[in-house]
Amino acid sequence: MAYIKCENVSLAYEGQTVVSDLNFEVNKGDYLCIVGENGSGKSTLVKAMLGLKSVGSGKITFGDGLGRKEIGYLPQQTVVQRDFPAVVEEIVLSGCLSKCGFRPFYNKAEKMLAADNLKRLEIEELAGRCYRELSGGQQQRVLLARALCATGKLLLLDEPVTGLDPKLTKEFYDIVEDLNKKDEITVVMVSHDVNAAVKYASHILHVGTQLFFGTKEDYLKTQAGKEFIGTGSLV
C-alpha cells in the first residue's frame, strides 16, 4: 500500500479551483518532485497533504504505516522566520513535539534523537548558537534536522534551496539524496529547479495547464517535460 495516495482530488485557492482530477501516489523509497508554473497549486497541494487545507473533492489517504503526523516538513522560509531568535538545539528538538503528546518536556530519547540529527547533518557545533545568526545554508540544515526529528519515513520539502547559492544548493541536494538512498527516507519535494527534478527524482508530478504523474524517464518524453527542460525552470 502507498504511503500517500491522491485520488481524483480537486483543490481551490481563494475560491478558485487550481487543481482538478489529480491522481498520484507516493511509495516507500520514492523521490517525487512536484513541478509546475506559479499559481498551479503546488503550495495548496502541500497544505492538503499536511491536513492544513481541505480538498474540494476526491481524497488523500495514508497507508503502509505512515501517519500524517509522521511527515517531516521543511517549509519555504520567510524573512521573519529567518530572523527567529531561538537557539538551534531548541528548534531541532521542536521536531519531536508530535511525539510528546501531553508531556510538557522532551524525554531522553527525544534529546538523543535531536543530538543525532545535528551530528548527522554536521551542525552539532551550532547547537548553542542563535538561529538568526546563521547563514542560509546552515539554517536549512537546522530545519532539515528538525524535520528528521519528526520522521524516519517521509520528508516533504517546499522549495528548500530558495536563496541558496549554487554550492550550498548542491550540498543540500546531496544530503537529501543520501537520506533517500542510504537511509531509505522517502522524499517529496516541490521545486522550480529543473536540475533537481532531472538528476534526483525517481518520479515527477507536474501540475498546472498539463497534468502528469509517472517516472522521470516517462516525463521527459512528454511535451510538458520537454518544455520544462527547455526553459531550465518553471516560474
C-alpha atoms as a PDB file:
ATOM      1  CA  MET A   1       0.000   0.000   0.000  1.00  0.00           C
ATOM      2  CA  ALA A   2       1.228   3.526  -0.827  1.00  0.00           C
ATOM      3  CA  TYR A   3       2.452   5.964   1.820  1.00  0.00           C
ATOM      4  CA  ILE A   4       0.266   8.670   0.247  1.00  0.00           C
ATOM      5  CA  LYS A   5      -2.467   8.181  -2.331  1.00  0.00           C
ATOM      6  CA  CYS A   6      -4.284  11.055  -4.001  1.00  0.00           C
ATOM      7  CA  GLU A   7      -7.461  10.100  -5.860  1.00  0.00           C
ATOM      8  CA  ASN A   8      -9.470  12.442  -8.116  1.00  0.00           C
ATOM      9  CA  VAL A   9      -8.591  15.430  -5.955  1.00  0.00           C
ATOM     10  CA  SER A  10      -9.607  18.992  -6.692  1.00  0.00           C
ATOM     11  CA  LEU A  11      -8.133  21.908  -4.759  1.00  0.00           C
ATOM     12  CA  ALA A  12      -9.122  25.553  -4.582  1.00  0.00           C
ATOM     13  CA  TYR A  13      -7.287  28.717  -3.553  1.00  0.00           C
ATOM     14  CA  GLU A  14      -9.297  31.794  -2.552  1.00  0.00           C
ATOM     15  CA  GLY A  15     -12.394  30.278  -4.126  1.00  0.00           C
ATOM     16  CA  GLN A  16     -10.726  29.480  -7.438  1.00  0.00           C
ATOM     17  CA  THR A  17     -10.092  25.870  -8.467  1.00  0.00           C
ATOM     18  CA  VAL A  18      -6.356  25.469  -9.099  1.00  0.00           C
ATOM     19  CA  VAL A  19      -6.137  21.681  -9.487  1.00  0.00           C
ATOM     20  CA  SER A  20      -8.765  19.134 -10.513  1.00  0.00           C
ATOM     21  CA  ASP A  21      -8.799  15.379 -11.170  1.00  0.00           C
ATOM     22  CA  LEU A  22      -5.383  14.949  -9.560  1.00  0.00           C
ATOM     23  CA  ASN A  23      -4.183  11.353  -9.136  1.00  0.00           C
ATOM     24  CA  PHE A  24      -0.811  10.181  -7.859  1.00  0.00           C
ATOM     25  CA  GLU A  25       0.782   8.055  -5.168  1.00  0.00           C
ATOM     26  CA  VAL A  26       3.993   8.073  -3.152  1.00  0.00           C
ATOM     27  CA  ASN A  27       5.544   4.753  -2.186  1.00  0.00           C
ATOM     28  CA  LYS A  28       8.303   3.901   0.250  1.00  0.00           C
ATOM     29  CA  GLY A  29      11.691   4.884  -1.161  1.00  0.00           C
ATOM     30  CA  ASP A  30      10.331   7.235  -3.842  1.00  0.00           C
ATOM     31  CA  TYR A  31      11.847  10.627  -4.591  1.00  0.00           C
ATOM     32  CA  LEU A  32       8.966  12.653  -6.031  1.00  0.00           C
ATOM     33  CA  CYS A  33       9.488  16.139  -7.427  1.00  0.00           C
ATOM     34  CA  ILE A  34       6.379  18.310  -7.762  1.00  0.00           C
ATOM     35  CA  VAL A  35       6.782  20.881 -10.525  1.00  0.00           C
ATOM     36  CA  GLY A  36       4.553  23.412 -12.250  1.00  0.00           C
ATOM     37  CA  GLU A  37       4.083  27.067 -13.030  1.00  0.00           C
ATOM     38  CA  ASN A  38       3.485  29.641 -10.300  1.00  0.00           C
ATOM     39  CA  GLY A  39      -0.162  29.569  -9.261  1.00  0.00           C
ATOM     40  CA  SER A  40      -0.596  25.970 -10.411  1.00  0.00           C
ATOM     41  CA  GLY A  41      -1.498  24.728  -6.928  1.00  0.00           C
ATOM     42  CA  LYS A  42       1.768  23.253  -5.648  1.00  0.00           C
ATOM     43  CA  SER A  43       1.636  25.016  -2.265  1.00  0.00           C
ATOM     44  CA  THR A  44      -2.085  24.284  -1.941  1.00  0.00           C
ATOM     45  CA  LEU A  45      -1.350  20.602  -2.537  1.00  0.00           C
ATOM     46  CA  VAL A  46       1.376  20.648   0.136  1.00  0.00           C
ATOM     47  CA  LYS A  47      -1.085  22.101   2.659  1.00  0.00           C
ATOM     48  CA  ALA A  48      -3.667  19.459   1.737  1.00  0.00           C
ATOM     49  CA  MET A  49      -1.154  16.645   2.288  1.00  0.00           C
ATOM     50  CA  LEU A  50      -0.325  18.110   5.688  1.00  0.00           C
ATOM     51  CA  GLY A  51      -4.005  18.376   6.629  1.00  0.00           C
ATOM     52  CA  LEU A  52      -3.854  22.175   6.726  1.00  0.00           C
ATOM     53  CA  LYS A  53      -6.340  22.514   3.888  1.00  0.00           C
ATOM     54  CA  SER A  54      -9.414  20.521   2.915  1.00  0.00           C
ATOM     55  CA  VAL A  55      -9.790  19.017  -0.535  1.00  0.00           C
ATOM     56  CA  GLY A  56     -12.719  20.179  -2.646  1.00  0.00           C
ATOM     57  CA  SER A  57     -13.436  16.664  -3.881  1.00  0.00           C
ATOM     58  CA  GLY A  58     -11.680  13.321  -4.009  1.00  0.00           C
ATOM     59  CA  LYS A  59      -9.478  12.087  -1.184  1.00  0.00           C
ATOM     60  CA  ILE A  60      -5.916  11.889   0.123  1.00  0.00           C
ATOM     61  CA  THR A  61      -5.191   8.744   2.128  1.00  0.00           C
ATOM     62  CA  PHE A  62      -2.184   7.447   4.074  1.00  0.00           C
ATOM     63  CA  GLY A  63      -1.002   3.871   4.388  1.00  0.00           C
ATOM     64  CA  ASP A  64       1.929   1.463   4.812  1.00  0.00           C
ATOM     65  CA  GLY A  65       2.358   2.589   8.418  1.00  0.00           C
ATOM     66  CA  LEU A  66       2.658   6.309   7.655  1.00  0.00           C
ATOM     67  CA  GLY A  67       0.521   8.757   9.644  1.00  0.00           C
ATOM     68  CA  ARG A  68       0.075  12.383   8.646  1.00  0.00           C
ATOM     69  CA  LYS A  69       1.879  13.471  11.845  1.00  0.00           C
ATOM     70  CA  GLU A  70       4.898  11.424  10.767  1.00  0.00           C
ATOM     71  CA  ILE A  71       5.668  13.669   7.810  1.00  0.00           C
ATOM     72  CA  GLY A  72       8.833  15.704   8.327  1.00  0.00           C
ATOM     73  CA  TYR A  73       8.070  19.107   6.805  1.00  0.00           C
ATOM     74  CA  LEU A  74      10.541  21.752   5.673  1.00  0.00           C
ATOM     75  CA  PRO A  75       8.522  24.814   4.571  1.00  0.00           C
ATOM     76  CA  GLN A  76       9.556  27.768   2.492  1.00  0.00           C
ATOM     77  CA  GLN A  77      11.271  30.289   4.735  1.00  0.00           C
ATOM     78  CA  THR A  78      10.040  33.845   5.121  1.00  0.00           C
ATOM     79  CA  VAL A  79      12.165  36.816   6.152  1.00  0.00           C
ATOM     80  CA  VAL A  80      10.535  36.743   9.600  1.00  0.00           C
ATOM     81  CA  GLN A  81      11.345  33.052  10.054  1.00  0.00           C
ATOM     82  CA  ARG A  82      14.983  33.602   9.096  1.00  0.00           C
ATOM     83  CA  ASP A  83      15.215  36.140  11.908  1.00  0.00           C
ATOM     84  CA  PHE A  84      13.726  33.801  14.541  1.00  0.00           C
ATOM     85  CA  PRO A  85      15.521  34.418  17.889  1.00  0.00           C
ATOM     86  CA  ALA A  86      15.816  30.826  19.131  1.00  0.00           C
ATOM     87  CA  VAL A  87      18.717  28.511  19.907  1.00  0.00           C
ATOM     88  CA  VAL A  88      19.456  25.883  17.259  1.00  0.00           C
ATOM     89  CA  GLU A  89      19.066  22.945  19.647  1.00  0.00           C
ATOM     90  CA  GLU A  90      15.597  24.164  20.674  1.00  0.00           C
ATOM     91  CA  ILE A  91      14.497  24.410  17.039  1.00  0.00           C
ATOM     92  CA  VAL A  92      15.712  20.909  16.202  1.00  0.00           C
ATOM     93  CA  LEU A  93      14.088  19.479  19.348  1.00  0.00           C
ATOM     94  CA  SER A  94      10.769  21.050  18.373  1.00  0.00           C
ATOM     95  CA  GLY A  95      10.570  18.453  15.623  1.00  0.00           C
ATOM     96  CA  CYS A  96       9.775  15.954  18.390  1.00  0.00           C
ATOM     97  CA  LEU A  97       6.648  17.805  19.546  1.00  0.00           C
ATOM     98  CA  SER A  98       4.281  15.316  17.930  1.00  0.00           C
ATOM     99  CA  LYS A  99       5.951  12.558  19.964  1.00  0.00           C
ATOM    100  CA  CYS A 100       5.480  14.355  23.289  1.00  0.00           C
ATOM    101  CA  GLY A 101       1.707  14.090  23.492  1.00  0.00           C
ATOM    102  CA  PHE A 102       0.658  15.874  26.687  1.00  0.00           C
ATOM    103  CA  ARG A 103       4.167  15.845  28.185  1.00  0.00           C
ATOM    104  CA  PRO A 104       5.414  19.401  28.826  1.00  0.00           C
ATOM    105  CA  PHE A 105       9.055  18.327  28.331  1.00  0.00           C
ATOM    106  CA  TYR A 106      11.309  16.336  26.000  1.00  0.00           C
ATOM    107  CA  ASN A 107      12.460  12.946  27.244  1.00  0.00           C
ATOM    108  CA  LYS A 108      15.950  11.468  26.999  1.00  0.00           C
ATOM    109  CA  ALA A 109      15.238   9.580  23.775  1.00  0.00           C
ATOM    110  CA  GLU A 110      13.998  12.744  22.051  1.00  0.00           C
ATOM    111  CA  LYS A 111      17.033  14.727  23.180  1.00  0.00           C
ATOM    112  CA  MET A 112      19.280  11.960  21.868  1.00  0.00           C
ATOM    113  CA  LEU A 113      17.396  11.966  18.555  1.00  0.00           C
ATOM    114  CA  ALA A 114      17.932  15.728  18.201  1.00  0.00           C
ATOM    115  CA  ALA A 115      21.638  15.338  19.018  1.00  0.00           C
ATOM    116  CA  ASP A 116      21.963  12.512  16.495  1.00  0.00           C
ATOM    117  CA  ASN A 117      20.348  14.577  13.738  1.00  0.00           C
ATOM    118  CA  LEU A 118      22.549  17.580  14.489  1.00  0.00           C
ATOM    119  CA  LYS A 119      25.545  15.283  14.103  1.00  0.00           C
ATOM    120  CA  ARG A 120      24.079  13.593  11.038  1.00  0.00           C
ATOM    121  CA  LEU A 121      23.908  16.959   9.257  1.00  0.00           C
ATOM    122  CA  GLU A 122      27.316  18.045  10.582  1.00  0.00           C
ATOM    123  CA  ILE A 123      25.999  21.012  12.549  1.00  0.00           C
ATOM    124  CA  GLU A 124      26.443  19.767  16.133  1.00  0.00           C
ATOM    125  CA  GLU A 125      28.814  22.682  16.817  1.00  0.00           C
ATOM    126  CA  LEU A 126      25.909  25.062  16.107  1.00  0.00           C
ATOM    127  CA  ALA A 127      23.659  23.619  18.842  1.00  0.00           C
ATOM    128  CA  GLY A 128      24.080  26.574  21.192  1.00  0.00           C
ATOM    129  CA  ARG A 129      24.043  29.272  18.509  1.00  0.00           C
ATOM    130  CA  CYS A 130      21.157  31.636  17.806  1.00  0.00           C
ATOM    131  CA  TYR A 131      19.323  30.593  14.650  1.00  0.00           C
ATOM    132  CA  ARG A 132      19.093  34.092  13.179  1.00  0.00           C
ATOM    133  CA  GLU A 133      22.892  34.451  13.293  1.00  0.00           C
ATOM    134  CA  LEU A 134      23.416  31.525  10.920  1.00  0.00           C
ATOM    135  CA  SER A 135      23.982  31.557   7.164  1.00  0.00           C
ATOM    136  CA  GLY A 136      21.193  30.481   4.832  1.00  0.00           C
ATOM    137  CA  GLY A 137      22.805  27.099   4.256  1.00  0.00           C
ATOM    138  CA  GLN A 138      23.228  26.485   7.976  1.00  0.00           C
ATOM    139  CA  GLN A 139      19.615  27.461   8.633  1.00  0.00           C
ATOM    140  CA  GLN A 140      18.375  24.954   6.059  1.00  0.00           C
ATOM    141  CA  ARG A 141      20.416  22.188   7.673  1.00  0.00           C
ATOM    142  CA  VAL A 142      18.881  23.103  11.042  1.00  0.00           C
ATOM    143  CA  LEU A 143      15.368  22.906   9.597  1.00  0.00           C
ATOM    144  CA  LEU A 144      16.168  19.610   7.909  1.00  0.00           C
ATOM    145  CA  ALA A 145      17.434  18.223  11.237  1.00  0.00           C
ATOM    146  CA  ARG A 146      14.166  19.387  12.805  1.00  0.00           C
ATOM    147  CA  ALA A 147      12.163  17.611  10.086  1.00  0.00           C
ATOM    148  CA  LEU A 148      14.153  14.416  10.653  1.00  0.00           C
ATOM    149  CA  CYS A 149      13.205  14.520  14.337  1.00  0.00           C
ATOM    150  CA  ALA A 150       9.577  14.289  13.237  1.00  0.00           C
ATOM    151  CA  THR A 151      10.050  11.322  10.921  1.00  0.00           C
ATOM    152  CA  GLY A 152      12.185   8.441   9.784  1.00  0.00           C
ATOM    153  CA  LYS A 153       9.829   7.790   6.890  1.00  0.00           C
ATOM    154  CA  LEU A 154       8.922  10.755   4.679  1.00  0.00           C
ATOM    155  CA  LEU A 155      10.242  14.276   4.151  1.00  0.00           C
ATOM    156  CA  LEU A 156       8.129  16.965   2.471  1.00  0.00           C
ATOM    157  CA  LEU A 157      10.343  19.815   1.235  1.00  0.00           C
ATOM    158  CA  ASP A 158       8.811  23.009  -0.168  1.00  0.00           C
ATOM    159  CA  GLU A 159      11.299  24.949  -2.339  1.00  0.00           C
ATOM    160  CA  PRO A 160      14.130  24.100   0.098  1.00  0.00           C
ATOM    161  CA  VAL A 161      17.001  25.801  -1.750  1.00  0.00           C
ATOM    162  CA  THR A 162      15.417  29.212  -2.364  1.00  0.00           C
ATOM    163  CA  GLY A 163      18.023  31.893  -1.681  1.00  0.00           C
ATOM    164  CA  LEU A 164      20.979  29.493  -1.523  1.00  0.00           C
ATOM    165  CA  ASP A 165      23.996  29.906  -3.813  1.00  0.00           C
ATOM    166  CA  PRO A 166      24.888  27.088  -6.251  1.00  0.00           C
ATOM    167  CA  LYS A 167      27.470  25.498  -3.928  1.00  0.00           C
ATOM    168  CA  LEU A 168      25.090  25.357  -0.949  1.00  0.00           C
ATOM    169  CA  THR A 169      22.269  24.200  -3.221  1.00  0.00           C
ATOM    170  CA  LYS A 170      24.330  21.215  -4.402  1.00  0.00           C
ATOM    171  CA  GLU A 171      25.372  20.393  -0.828  1.00  0.00           C
ATOM    172  CA  PHE A 172      21.736  20.410   0.288  1.00  0.00           C
ATOM    173  CA  TYR A 173      20.591  18.236  -2.613  1.00  0.00           C
ATOM    174  CA  ASP A 174      23.427  15.768  -1.925  1.00  0.00           C
ATOM    175  CA  ILE A 175      22.331  15.482   1.720  1.00  0.00           C
ATOM    176  CA  VAL A 176      18.719  14.801   0.694  1.00  0.00           C
ATOM    177  CA  GLU A 177      19.858  12.244  -1.891  1.00  0.00           C
ATOM    178  CA  ASP A 178      21.823  10.397   0.808  1.00  0.00           C
ATOM    179  CA  LEU A 179      18.804  10.401   3.103  1.00  0.00           C
ATOM    180  CA  ASN A 180      16.729   8.932   0.281  1.00  0.00           C
ATOM    181  CA  LYS A 181      19.173   6.314  -0.960  1.00  0.00           C
ATOM    182  CA  LYS A 182      21.159   5.349   2.133  1.00  0.00           C
ATOM    183  CA  ASP A 183      18.594   5.937   4.887  1.00  0.00           C
ATOM    184  CA  GLU A 184      15.623   4.930   2.687  1.00  0.00           C
ATOM    185  CA  ILE A 185      13.668   8.044   3.629  1.00  0.00           C
ATOM    186  CA  THR A 186      11.001   8.860   1.069  1.00  0.00           C
ATOM    187  CA  VAL A 187      11.231  12.404  -0.327  1.00  0.00           C
ATOM    188  CA  VAL A 188       8.541  14.668  -1.763  1.00  0.00           C
ATOM    189  CA  MET A 189       9.997  17.976  -2.945  1.00  0.00           C
ATOM    190  CA  VAL A 190       8.315  20.986  -4.520  1.00  0.00           C
ATOM    191  CA  SER A 191      10.812  22.628  -6.851  1.00  0.00           C
ATOM    192  CA  HIS A 192      11.287  25.020  -9.757  1.00  0.00           C
ATOM    193  CA  ASP A 193      14.764  23.595 -10.291  1.00  0.00           C
ATOM    194  CA  VAL A 194      14.989  21.521 -13.465  1.00  0.00           C
ATOM    195  CA  ASN A 195      18.369  20.129 -12.423  1.00  0.00           C
ATOM    196  CA  ALA A 196      16.949  18.748  -9.191  1.00  0.00           C
ATOM    197  CA  ALA A 197      13.996  17.140 -10.960  1.00  0.00           C
ATOM    198  CA  VAL A 198      16.118  15.540 -13.681  1.00  0.00           C
ATOM    199  CA  LYS A 199      19.077  14.479 -11.554  1.00  0.00           C
ATOM    200  CA  TYR A 200      17.487  13.338  -8.311  1.00  0.00           C
ATOM    201  CA  ALA A 201      13.818  12.431  -8.747  1.00  0.00           C
ATOM    202  CA  SER A 202      12.511   8.939  -9.363  1.00  0.00           C
ATOM    203  CA  HIS A 203       9.026  10.316 -10.144  1.00  0.00           C
ATOM    204  CA  ILE A 204       7.591  13.623 -11.341  1.00  0.00           C
ATOM    205  CA  LEU A 205       4.225  15.202 -10.606  1.00  0.00           C
ATOM    206  CA  HIS A 206       3.528  18.109 -12.954  1.00  0.00           C
ATOM    207  CA  VAL A 207       0.560  20.297 -12.036  1.00  0.00           C
ATOM    208  CA  GLY A 208      -0.837  23.224 -13.964  1.00  0.00           C
ATOM    209  CA  THR A 209      -2.109  23.545 -17.526  1.00  0.00           C
ATOM    210  CA  GLN A 210      -0.903  19.980 -18.091  1.00  0.00           C
ATOM    211  CA  LEU A 211      -1.133  17.176 -15.538  1.00  0.00           C
ATOM    212  CA  PHE A 212       1.385  14.366 -15.422  1.00  0.00           C
ATOM    213  CA  PHE A 213       2.398  11.747 -12.896  1.00  0.00           C
ATOM    214  CA  GLY A 214       4.896   8.998 -13.563  1.00  0.00           C
ATOM    215  CA  THR A 215       8.565   8.149 -13.706  1.00  0.00           C
ATOM    216  CA  LYS A 216      11.160  10.756 -14.526  1.00  0.00           C
ATOM    217  CA  GLU A 217      12.025   8.887 -17.731  1.00  0.00           C
ATOM    218  CA  ASP A 218       8.420   8.954 -18.961  1.00  0.00           C
ATOM    219  CA  TYR A 219       8.034  12.605 -18.005  1.00  0.00           C
ATOM    220  CA  LEU A 220      10.990  13.617 -20.139  1.00  0.00           C
ATOM    221  CA  LYS A 221       9.193  12.186 -23.179  1.00  0.00           C
ATOM    222  CA  THR A 222       6.104  14.384 -22.689  1.00  0.00           C
ATOM    223  CA  GLN A 223       5.523  17.859 -24.092  1.00  0.00           C
ATOM    224  CA  ALA A 224       5.395  19.298 -20.586  1.00  0.00           C
ATOM    225  CA  GLY A 225       8.717  17.639 -19.767  1.00  0.00           C
ATOM    226  CA  LYS A 226      10.384  18.876 -22.956  1.00  0.00           C
ATOM    227  CA  GLU A 227       9.183  22.433 -22.267  1.00  0.00           C
ATOM    228  CA  PHE A 228      10.392  22.204 -18.664  1.00  0.00           C
ATOM    229  CA  ILE A 229      13.833  21.026 -19.750  1.00  0.00           C
ATOM    230  CA  GLY A 230      13.923  23.702 -22.436  1.00  0.00           C
ATOM    231  CA  THR A 231      13.400  26.560 -20.002  1.00  0.00           C
ATOM    232  CA  GLY A 232      15.512  25.170 -17.172  1.00  0.00           C
ATOM    233  CA  SER A 233      12.874  26.149 -14.627  1.00  0.00           C
ATOM    234  CA  LEU A 234       9.210  26.868 -14.152  1.00  0.00           C
ATOM    235  CA  VAL A 235       8.452  30.361 -12.866  1.00  0.00           C
END
